[in-house]
PDB file of N, CA and C in Angstrom:
ATOM      1  N   MET A   1     -94.038  53.604  52.127  1.00  0.00           N
ATOM      2  CA  MET A   1     -92.832  53.512  53.080  1.00  0.00           C
ATOM      3  C   MET A   1     -92.779  54.721  53.857  1.00  0.00           C
ATOM      4  N   LEU A   2     -93.288  55.813  53.372  1.00  0.00           N
ATOM      5  CA  LEU A   2     -93.247  57.048  54.209  1.00  0.00           C
ATOM      6  C   LEU A   2     -94.290  56.963  55.256  1.00  0.00           C
ATOM      7  N   LEU A   3     -95.356  56.220  55.036  1.00  0.00           N
ATOM      8  CA  LEU A   3     -96.738  56.193  56.326  1.00  0.00           C
ATOM      9  C   LEU A   3     -95.888  55.237  57.270  1.00  0.00           C
ATOM     10  N   ALA A   4     -95.201  54.210  56.631  1.00  0.00           N
ATOM     11  CA  ALA A   4     -94.853  53.154  57.876  1.00  0.00           C
ATOM     12  C   ALA A   4     -93.536  53.880  58.524  1.00  0.00           C
ATOM     13  N   GLY A   5     -92.696  54.678  57.994  1.00  0.00           N
ATOM     14  CA  GLY A   5     -91.529  55.165  58.601  1.00  0.00           C
ATOM     15  C   GLY A   5     -91.697  56.300  59.443  1.00  0.00           C
ATOM     16  N   THR A   6     -92.888  57.066  59.305  1.00  0.00           N
ATOM     17  CA  THR A   6     -93.060  57.921  60.056  1.00  0.00           C
ATOM     18  C   THR A   6     -94.005  57.760  61.361  1.00  0.00           C
ATOM     19  N   MET A   7     -94.591  56.759  61.389  1.00  0.00           N
ATOM     20  CA  MET A   7     -95.103  56.108  62.846  1.00  0.00           C
ATOM     21  C   MET A   7     -94.511  55.887  63.841  1.00  0.00           C
ATOM     22  N   ILE A   8     -94.882  56.393  64.815  1.00  0.00           N
ATOM     23  CA  ILE A   8     -94.107  56.074  66.203  1.00  0.00           C
ATOM     24  C   ILE A   8     -94.990  55.322  67.025  1.00  0.00           C
ATOM     25  N   GLY A   9     -94.548  54.294  67.712  1.00  0.00           N
ATOM     26  CA  GLY A   9     -95.194  53.631  68.573  1.00  0.00           C
ATOM     27  C   GLY A   9     -95.167  52.027  68.253  1.00  0.00           C
ATOM     28  N   GLY A  10     -94.308  51.743  67.326  1.00  0.00           N
ATOM     29  CA  GLY A  10     -94.053  50.246  67.010  1.00  0.00           C
ATOM     30  C   GLY A  10     -95.241  49.477  66.419  1.00  0.00           C
ATOM     31  N   LEU A  11     -95.057  48.151  66.835  1.00  0.00           N
ATOM     32  CA  LEU A  11     -96.252  47.244  66.298  1.00  0.00           C
ATOM     33  C   LEU A  11     -97.589  47.586  66.827  1.00  0.00           C
ATOM     34  N   TYR A  12     -97.432  48.196  68.168  1.00  0.00           N
ATOM     35  CA  TYR A  12     -98.633  48.290  68.773  1.00  0.00           C
ATOM     36  C   TYR A  12     -99.591  49.207  67.764  1.00  0.00           C
ATOM     37  N   LEU A  13     -99.154  50.003  67.051  1.00  0.00           N
ATOM     38  CA  LEU A  13     -99.831  50.872  66.199  1.00  0.00           C
ATOM     39  C   LEU A  13    -100.007  50.314  64.820  1.00  0.00           C
ATOM     40  N   THR A  14     -99.025  49.685  64.338  1.00  0.00           N
ATOM     41  CA  THR A  14     -99.149  49.185  62.860  1.00  0.00           C
ATOM     42  C   THR A  14    -100.055  47.966  62.791  1.00  0.00           C
ATOM     43  N   PHE A  15    -100.233  47.240  63.530  1.00  0.00           N
ATOM     44  CA  PHE A  15    -101.121  46.063  63.377  1.00  0.00           C
ATOM     45  C   PHE A  15    -102.631  46.537  63.156  1.00  0.00           C
ATOM     46  N   PRO A  16    -102.953  47.432  64.097  1.00  0.00           N
ATOM     47  CA  PRO A  16    -104.409  47.891  63.651  1.00  0.00           C
ATOM     48  C   PRO A  16    -104.699  48.656  62.438  1.00  0.00           C
ATOM     49  N   VAL A  17    -103.617  49.512  61.981  1.00  0.00           N
ATOM     50  CA  VAL A  17    -103.582  50.351  60.777  1.00  0.00           C
ATOM     51  C   VAL A  17    -103.566  49.081  59.680  1.00  0.00           C
ATOM     52  N   ALA A  18    -102.694  48.011  59.864  1.00  0.00           N
ATOM     53  CA  ALA A  18    -102.875  47.002  58.720  1.00  0.00           C
ATOM     54  C   ALA A  18    -104.144  46.359  58.662  1.00  0.00           C
ATOM     55  N   TYR A  19    -104.821  46.218  59.841  1.00  0.00           N
ATOM     56  CA  TYR A  19    -106.223  45.476  59.845  1.00  0.00           C
ATOM     57  C   TYR A  19    -107.133  46.441  58.958  1.00  0.00           C
ATOM     58  N   SER A  20    -107.011  47.647  59.493  1.00  0.00           N
ATOM     59  CA  SER A  20    -107.949  48.633  58.900  1.00  0.00           C
ATOM     60  C   SER A  20    -107.779  48.697  57.364  1.00  0.00           C
ATOM     61  N   LEU A  21    -106.553  48.590  56.955  1.00  0.00           N
ATOM     62  CA  LEU A  21    -106.153  48.668  55.466  1.00  0.00           C
ATOM     63  C   LEU A  21    -106.812  47.366  54.832  1.00  0.00           C
ATOM     64  N   TYR A  22    -106.700  46.368  55.407  1.00  0.00           N
ATOM     65  CA  TYR A  22    -107.350  45.052  54.835  1.00  0.00           C
ATOM     66  C   TYR A  22    -108.634  45.214  54.985  1.00  0.00           C
ATOM     67  N   GLY A  23    -109.474  45.803  55.975  1.00  0.00           N
ATOM     68  CA  GLY A  23    -110.758  45.875  56.062  1.00  0.00           C
ATOM     69  C   GLY A  23    -111.302  46.869  54.780  1.00  0.00           C
ATOM     70  N   LYS A  24    -110.503  47.769  54.276  1.00  0.00           N
ATOM     71  CA  LYS A  24    -110.823  48.700  53.253  1.00  0.00           C
ATOM     72  C   LYS A  24    -110.507  48.191  51.901  1.00  0.00           C
ATOM     73  N   GLY A  25    -110.037  46.901  52.025  1.00  0.00           N
ATOM     74  CA  GLY A  25    -109.915  46.263  50.753  1.00  0.00           C
ATOM     75  C   GLY A  25    -108.444  46.238  50.010  1.00  0.00           C
ATOM     76  N   ALA A  26    -107.514  46.683  50.695  1.00  0.00           N
ATOM     77  CA  ALA A  26    -106.118  46.583  50.464  1.00  0.00           C
ATOM     78  C   ALA A  26    -105.565  45.487  50.175  1.00  0.00           C
ATOM     79  N   LYS A  27    -104.855  45.194  48.898  1.00  0.00           N
ATOM     80  CA  LYS A  27    -104.196  43.963  48.562  1.00  0.00           C
ATOM     81  C   LYS A  27    -103.034  43.375  49.808  1.00  0.00           C
ATOM     82  N   LEU A  28    -102.997  42.029  49.967  1.00  0.00           N
ATOM     83  CA  LEU A  28    -102.139  41.351  50.794  1.00  0.00           C
ATOM     84  C   LEU A  28    -100.615  42.005  50.743  1.00  0.00           C
ATOM     85  N   ILE A  29    -100.301  42.385  49.243  1.00  0.00           N
ATOM     86  CA  ILE A  29     -99.013  42.651  48.975  1.00  0.00           C
ATOM     87  C   ILE A  29     -98.731  44.149  49.594  1.00  0.00           C
ATOM     88  N   VAL A  30     -99.542  44.935  49.659  1.00  0.00           N
ATOM     89  CA  VAL A  30     -99.569  46.281  50.350  1.00  0.00           C
ATOM     90  C   VAL A  30     -99.617  46.103  51.938  1.00  0.00           C
ATOM     91  N   ILE A  31    -100.296  45.323  52.360  1.00  0.00           N
ATOM     92  CA  ILE A  31    -100.315  44.974  53.806  1.00  0.00           C
ATOM     93  C   ILE A  31     -98.826  44.454  54.556  1.00  0.00           C
ATOM     94  N   PHE A  32     -98.417  43.558  53.783  1.00  0.00           N
ATOM     95  CA  PHE A  32     -97.082  42.991  53.971  1.00  0.00           C
ATOM     96  C   PHE A  32     -96.073  43.829  53.894  1.00  0.00           C
ATOM     97  N   ALA A  33     -95.960  44.672  52.871  1.00  0.00           N
ATOM     98  CA  ALA A  33     -94.871  45.592  52.532  1.00  0.00           C
ATOM     99  C   ALA A  33     -94.932  46.680  53.811  1.00  0.00           C
ATOM    100  N   TYR A  34     -96.234  46.987  54.177  1.00  0.00           N
ATOM    101  CA  TYR A  34     -96.362  48.228  55.343  1.00  0.00           C
ATOM    102  C   TYR A  34     -95.817  47.584  56.570  1.00  0.00           C
ATOM    103  N   LEU A  35     -96.135  46.453  56.795  1.00  0.00           N
ATOM    104  CA  LEU A  35     -95.825  45.794  58.270  1.00  0.00           C
ATOM    105  C   LEU A  35     -94.086  45.523  58.148  1.00  0.00           C
ATOM    106  N   GLY A  36     -93.829  45.296  56.980  1.00  0.00           N
ATOM    107  CA  GLY A  36     -92.303  45.011  57.042  1.00  0.00           C
ATOM    108  C   GLY A  36     -91.426  46.229  57.087  1.00  0.00           C
ATOM    109  N   MET A  37     -91.999  47.306  56.283  1.00  0.00           N
ATOM    110  CA  MET A  37     -91.274  48.793  56.251  1.00  0.00           C
ATOM    111  C   MET A  37     -91.753  49.396  57.670  1.00  0.00           C
ATOM    112  N   ALA A  38     -92.646  49.204  58.366  1.00  0.00           N
ATOM    113  CA  ALA A  38     -92.832  49.666  59.684  1.00  0.00           C
ATOM    114  C   ALA A  38     -91.933  49.387  60.672  1.00  0.00           C
ATOM    115  N   VAL A  39     -91.412  48.142  60.502  1.00  0.00           N
ATOM    116  CA  VAL A  39     -90.330  47.627  61.516  1.00  0.00           C
ATOM    117  C   VAL A  39     -89.153  48.089  60.921  1.00  0.00           C
ATOM    118  N   ILE A  40     -88.758  47.972  59.687  1.00  0.00           N
ATOM    119  CA  ILE A  40     -87.368  48.455  59.412  1.00  0.00           C
ATOM    120  C   ILE A  40     -87.281  49.886  59.329  1.00  0.00           C
ATOM    121  N   TYR A  41     -87.990  50.493  58.676  1.00  0.00           N
ATOM    122  CA  TYR A  41     -88.028  52.098  58.608  1.00  0.00           C
ATOM    123  C   TYR A  41     -88.356  52.841  59.484  1.00  0.00           C
ATOM    124  N   CYS A  42     -88.435  52.439  60.761  1.00  0.00           N
ATOM    125  CA  CYS A  42     -88.854  53.557  61.854  1.00  0.00           C
ATOM    126  C   CYS A  42     -88.000  54.539  62.088  1.00  0.00           C
ATOM    127  N   LEU A  43     -88.481  55.891  62.132  1.00  0.00           N
ATOM    128  CA  LEU A  43     -87.648  56.978  62.127  1.00  0.00           C
ATOM    129  C   LEU A  43     -86.873  57.169  63.139  1.00  0.00           C
ATOM    130  N   PRO A  44     -86.921  56.822  64.425  1.00  0.00           N
ATOM    131  CA  PRO A  44     -86.376  57.273  65.481  1.00  0.00           C
ATOM    132  C   PRO A  44     -85.063  56.031  65.294  1.00  0.00           C
ATOM    133  N   MET A  45     -85.508  54.869  65.199  1.00  0.00           N
ATOM    134  CA  MET A  45     -84.419  53.767  64.960  1.00  0.00           C
ATOM    135  C   MET A  45     -83.472  54.079  63.983  1.00  0.00           C
ATOM    136  N   VAL A  46     -83.804  54.664  62.789  1.00  0.00           N
ATOM    137  CA  VAL A  46     -82.816  55.061  61.741  1.00  0.00           C
ATOM    138  C   VAL A  46     -82.018  56.164  61.952  1.00  0.00           C
ATOM    139  N   VAL A  47     -82.501  57.188  62.782  1.00  0.00           N
ATOM    140  CA  VAL A  47     -81.612  58.238  63.223  1.00  0.00           C
ATOM    141  C   VAL A  47     -80.667  57.738  64.290  1.00  0.00           C
ATOM    142  N   PHE A  48     -81.029  56.935  65.363  1.00  0.00           N
ATOM    143  CA  PHE A  48     -80.400  56.192  66.429  1.00  0.00           C
ATOM    144  C   PHE A  48     -79.179  55.494  65.653  1.00  0.00           C
ATOM    145  N   GLU A  49     -79.416  54.644  64.694  1.00  0.00           N
ATOM    146  CA  GLU A  49     -78.449  53.696  63.977  1.00  0.00           C
ATOM    147  C   GLU A  49     -77.529  54.565  63.129  1.00  0.00           C
ATOM    148  N   ALA A  50     -77.895  55.697  62.588  1.00  0.00           N
ATOM    149  CA  ALA A  50     -77.090  56.575  61.669  1.00  0.00           C
ATOM    150  C   ALA A  50     -76.132  57.293  62.699  1.00  0.00           C
ATOM    151  N   TYR A  51     -76.397  57.678  63.734  1.00  0.00           N
ATOM    152  CA  TYR A  51     -75.687  58.300  64.827  1.00  0.00           C
ATOM    153  C   TYR A  51     -74.662  57.444  65.397  1.00  0.00           C
ATOM    154  N   PHE A  52     -75.004  56.145  65.473  1.00  0.00           N
ATOM    155  CA  PHE A  52     -73.864  55.316  66.204  1.00  0.00           C
ATOM    156  C   PHE A  52     -73.171  54.255  65.375  1.00  0.00           C
ATOM    157  N   LEU A  53     -73.759  53.964  64.218  1.00  0.00           N
ATOM    158  CA  LEU A  53     -73.243  52.987  63.226  1.00  0.00           C
ATOM    159  C   LEU A  53     -72.692  53.824  61.940  1.00  0.00           C
ATOM    160  N   GLY A  54     -72.968  55.021  61.656  1.00  0.00           N
ATOM    161  CA  GLY A  54     -72.722  55.682  60.417  1.00  0.00           C
ATOM    162  C   GLY A  54     -73.544  55.873  59.440  1.00  0.00           C
ATOM    163  N   ILE A  55     -73.679  56.853  58.629  1.00  0.00           N
ATOM    164  CA  ILE A  55     -74.633  56.765  57.680  1.00  0.00           C
ATOM    165  C   ILE A  55     -74.607  56.113  56.394  1.00  0.00           C
ATOM    166  N   LYS A  56     -73.171  55.816  56.192  1.00  0.00           N
ATOM    167  CA  LYS A  56     -73.035  54.748  55.022  1.00  0.00           C
ATOM    168  C   LYS A  56     -73.452  53.333  55.388  1.00  0.00           C
ATOM    169  N   PHE A  57     -73.289  52.789  56.561  1.00  0.00           N
ATOM    170  CA  PHE A  57     -73.848  51.493  57.030  1.00  0.00           C
ATOM    171  C   PHE A  57     -75.486  51.606  57.071  1.00  0.00           C
ATOM    172  N   THR A  58     -76.097  52.715  57.486  1.00  0.00           N
ATOM    173  CA  THR A  58     -77.434  53.031  57.646  1.00  0.00           C
ATOM    174  C   THR A  58     -78.028  52.787  56.127  1.00  0.00           C
ATOM    175  N   ALA A  59     -77.437  53.862  55.282  1.00  0.00           N
ATOM    176  CA  ALA A  59     -78.102  53.517  53.710  1.00  0.00           C
ATOM    177  C   ALA A  59     -77.847  52.343  53.132  1.00  0.00           C
ATOM    178  N   VAL A  60     -76.810  51.442  53.440  1.00  0.00           N
ATOM    179  CA  VAL A  60     -76.699  50.186  52.515  1.00  0.00           C
ATOM    180  C   VAL A  60     -77.844  49.288  53.270  1.00  0.00           C
ATOM    181  N   ARG A  61     -77.941  49.287  54.702  1.00  0.00           N
ATOM    182  CA  ARG A  61     -78.774  48.353  55.250  1.00  0.00           C
ATOM    183  C   ARG A  61     -80.282  49.020  54.717  1.00  0.00           C
ATOM    184  N   LEU A  62     -80.696  49.961  54.689  1.00  0.00           N
ATOM    185  CA  LEU A  62     -82.007  50.496  53.990  1.00  0.00           C
ATOM    186  C   LEU A  62     -82.252  50.046  52.849  1.00  0.00           C
ATOM    187  N   LEU A  63     -81.411  50.113  51.772  1.00  0.00           N
ATOM    188  CA  LEU A  63     -81.307  49.665  50.552  1.00  0.00           C
ATOM    189  C   LEU A  63     -81.596  48.041  50.523  1.00  0.00           C
ATOM    190  N   VAL A  64     -80.707  47.404  51.187  1.00  0.00           N
ATOM    191  CA  VAL A  64     -80.965  45.955  51.096  1.00  0.00           C
ATOM    192  C   VAL A  64     -82.325  45.497  51.692  1.00  0.00           C
ATOM    193  N   SER A  65     -82.667  45.973  52.921  1.00  0.00           N
ATOM    194  CA  SER A  65     -83.873  45.704  53.428  1.00  0.00           C
ATOM    195  C   SER A  65     -85.061  45.987  52.690  1.00  0.00           C
ATOM    196  N   LEU A  66     -84.860  47.246  52.000  1.00  0.00           N
ATOM    197  CA  LEU A  66     -86.074  47.640  51.323  1.00  0.00           C
ATOM    198  C   LEU A  66     -86.297  46.516  49.935  1.00  0.00           C
ATOM    199  N   SER A  67     -85.466  46.364  49.376  1.00  0.00           N
ATOM    200  CA  SER A  67     -85.385  45.150  48.237  1.00  0.00           C
ATOM    201  C   SER A  67     -85.867  43.850  48.739  1.00  0.00           C
ATOM    202  N   LEU A  68     -85.479  43.498  49.948  1.00  0.00           N
ATOM    203  CA  LEU A  68     -86.208  42.235  50.458  1.00  0.00           C
ATOM    204  C   LEU A  68     -87.324  42.293  50.974  1.00  0.00           C
ATOM    205  N   VAL A  69     -87.737  43.212  51.522  1.00  0.00           N
ATOM    206  CA  VAL A  69     -89.434  43.567  51.986  1.00  0.00           C
ATOM    207  C   VAL A  69     -90.161  43.690  50.792  1.00  0.00           C
ATOM    208  N   VAL A  70     -89.789  44.167  49.721  1.00  0.00           N
ATOM    209  CA  VAL A  70     -90.672  44.165  48.441  1.00  0.00           C
ATOM    210  C   VAL A  70     -90.705  42.819  47.965  1.00  0.00           C
ATOM    211  N   ILE A  71     -89.620  42.184  47.781  1.00  0.00           N
ATOM    212  CA  ILE A  71     -89.575  40.750  47.163  1.00  0.00           C
ATOM    213  C   ILE A  71     -90.540  39.732  48.142  1.00  0.00           C
ATOM    214  N   THR A  72     -90.257  39.811  49.540  1.00  0.00           N
ATOM    215  CA  THR A  72     -91.020  39.050  50.323  1.00  0.00           C
ATOM    216  C   THR A  72     -92.579  39.222  50.364  1.00  0.00           C
ATOM    217  N   SER A  73     -92.649  40.527  50.340  1.00  0.00           N
ATOM    218  CA  SER A  73     -94.224  41.044  50.370  1.00  0.00           C
ATOM    219  C   SER A  73     -94.909  40.569  49.183  1.00  0.00           C
ATOM    220  N   ILE A  74     -94.235  40.643  47.923  1.00  0.00           N
ATOM    221  CA  ILE A  74     -94.797  40.184  46.478  1.00  0.00           C
ATOM    222  C   ILE A  74     -95.054  38.760  46.691  1.00  0.00           C
ATOM    223  N   LEU A  75     -94.009  37.800  47.285  1.00  0.00           N
ATOM    224  CA  LEU A  75     -94.081  36.284  47.140  1.00  0.00           C
ATOM    225  C   LEU A  75     -95.204  35.981  48.147  1.00  0.00           C
ATOM    226  N   LEU A  76     -95.394  36.438  49.332  1.00  0.00           N
ATOM    227  CA  LEU A  76     -96.444  36.145  50.364  1.00  0.00           C
ATOM    228  C   LEU A  76     -97.746  36.470  49.853  1.00  0.00           C
ATOM    229  N   GLY A  77     -97.936  37.780  49.344  1.00  0.00           N
ATOM    230  CA  GLY A  77     -99.061  38.092  48.765  1.00  0.00           C
ATOM    231  C   GLY A  77     -99.794  37.291  47.621  1.00  0.00           C
ATOM    232  N   ASN A  78     -98.708  36.881  46.865  1.00  0.00           N
ATOM    233  CA  ASN A  78     -99.237  35.931  45.780  1.00  0.00           C
ATOM    234  C   ASN A  78     -99.415  34.644  46.213  1.00  0.00           C
ATOM    235  N   TYR A  79     -98.762  34.129  47.126  1.00  0.00           N
ATOM    236  CA  TYR A  79     -99.072  32.809  47.646  1.00  0.00           C
ATOM    237  C   TYR A  79    -100.243  32.599  48.440  1.00  0.00           C
ATOM    238  N   LEU A  80    -100.552  33.612  49.381  1.00  0.00           N
ATOM    239  CA  LEU A  80    -101.874  33.783  50.167  1.00  0.00           C
ATOM    240  C   LEU A  80    -103.151  34.445  49.409  1.00  0.00           C
ATOM    241  N   THR A  81    -102.880  34.784  47.983  1.00  0.00           N
ATOM    242  CA  THR A  81    -104.096  35.117  47.554  1.00  0.00           C
ATOM    243  C   THR A  81    -105.255  34.046  47.332  1.00  0.00           C
ATOM    244  N   GLY A  82    -104.854  32.992  47.253  1.00  0.00           N
ATOM    245  CA  GLY A  82    -105.840  31.815  46.896  1.00  0.00           C
ATOM    246  C   GLY A  82    -106.473  31.336  48.240  1.00  0.00           C
ATOM    247  N   GLU A  83    -105.639  31.706  49.289  1.00  0.00           N
ATOM    248  CA  GLU A  83    -106.076  31.167  50.751  1.00  0.00           C
ATOM    249  C   GLU A  83    -107.269  32.025  51.160  1.00  0.00           C
ATOM    250  N   THR A  84    -107.756  31.235  52.357  1.00  0.00           N
ATOM    251  CA  THR A  84    -108.795  32.049  53.215  1.00  0.00           C
ATOM    252  C   THR A  84    -108.278  32.447  54.350  1.00  0.00           C
ATOM    253  N   ILE A  85    -108.190  33.839  54.432  1.00  0.00           N
ATOM    254  CA  ILE A  85    -107.865  34.540  55.411  1.00  0.00           C
ATOM    255  C   ILE A  85    -108.711  35.122  56.463  1.00  0.00           C
ATOM    256  N   LYS A  86    -108.603  34.887  57.876  1.00  0.00           N
ATOM    257  CA  LYS A  86    -109.764  35.364  58.529  1.00  0.00           C
ATOM    258  C   LYS A  86    -109.092  36.415  59.475  1.00  0.00           C
TER     259      LYS A  86
END
């Protein structure tokens, strides 16, 4: 979560990092969690959202989205483990 949240540059940088993680042998669960958290926990977006919508709203959204990212990455990682991915 810290690695994904501190990256600035959007998806232009997260996909090459995810590809290199896959090349190094990372599990698909980790890669999916990284991609999901990079989109949701982008630090400039969180600061912007907290300023305009409030800290309480931002905290609730981050907690809900964290649990959803973890659940979906586990489900996708387990489903795609037996598949051939190129």
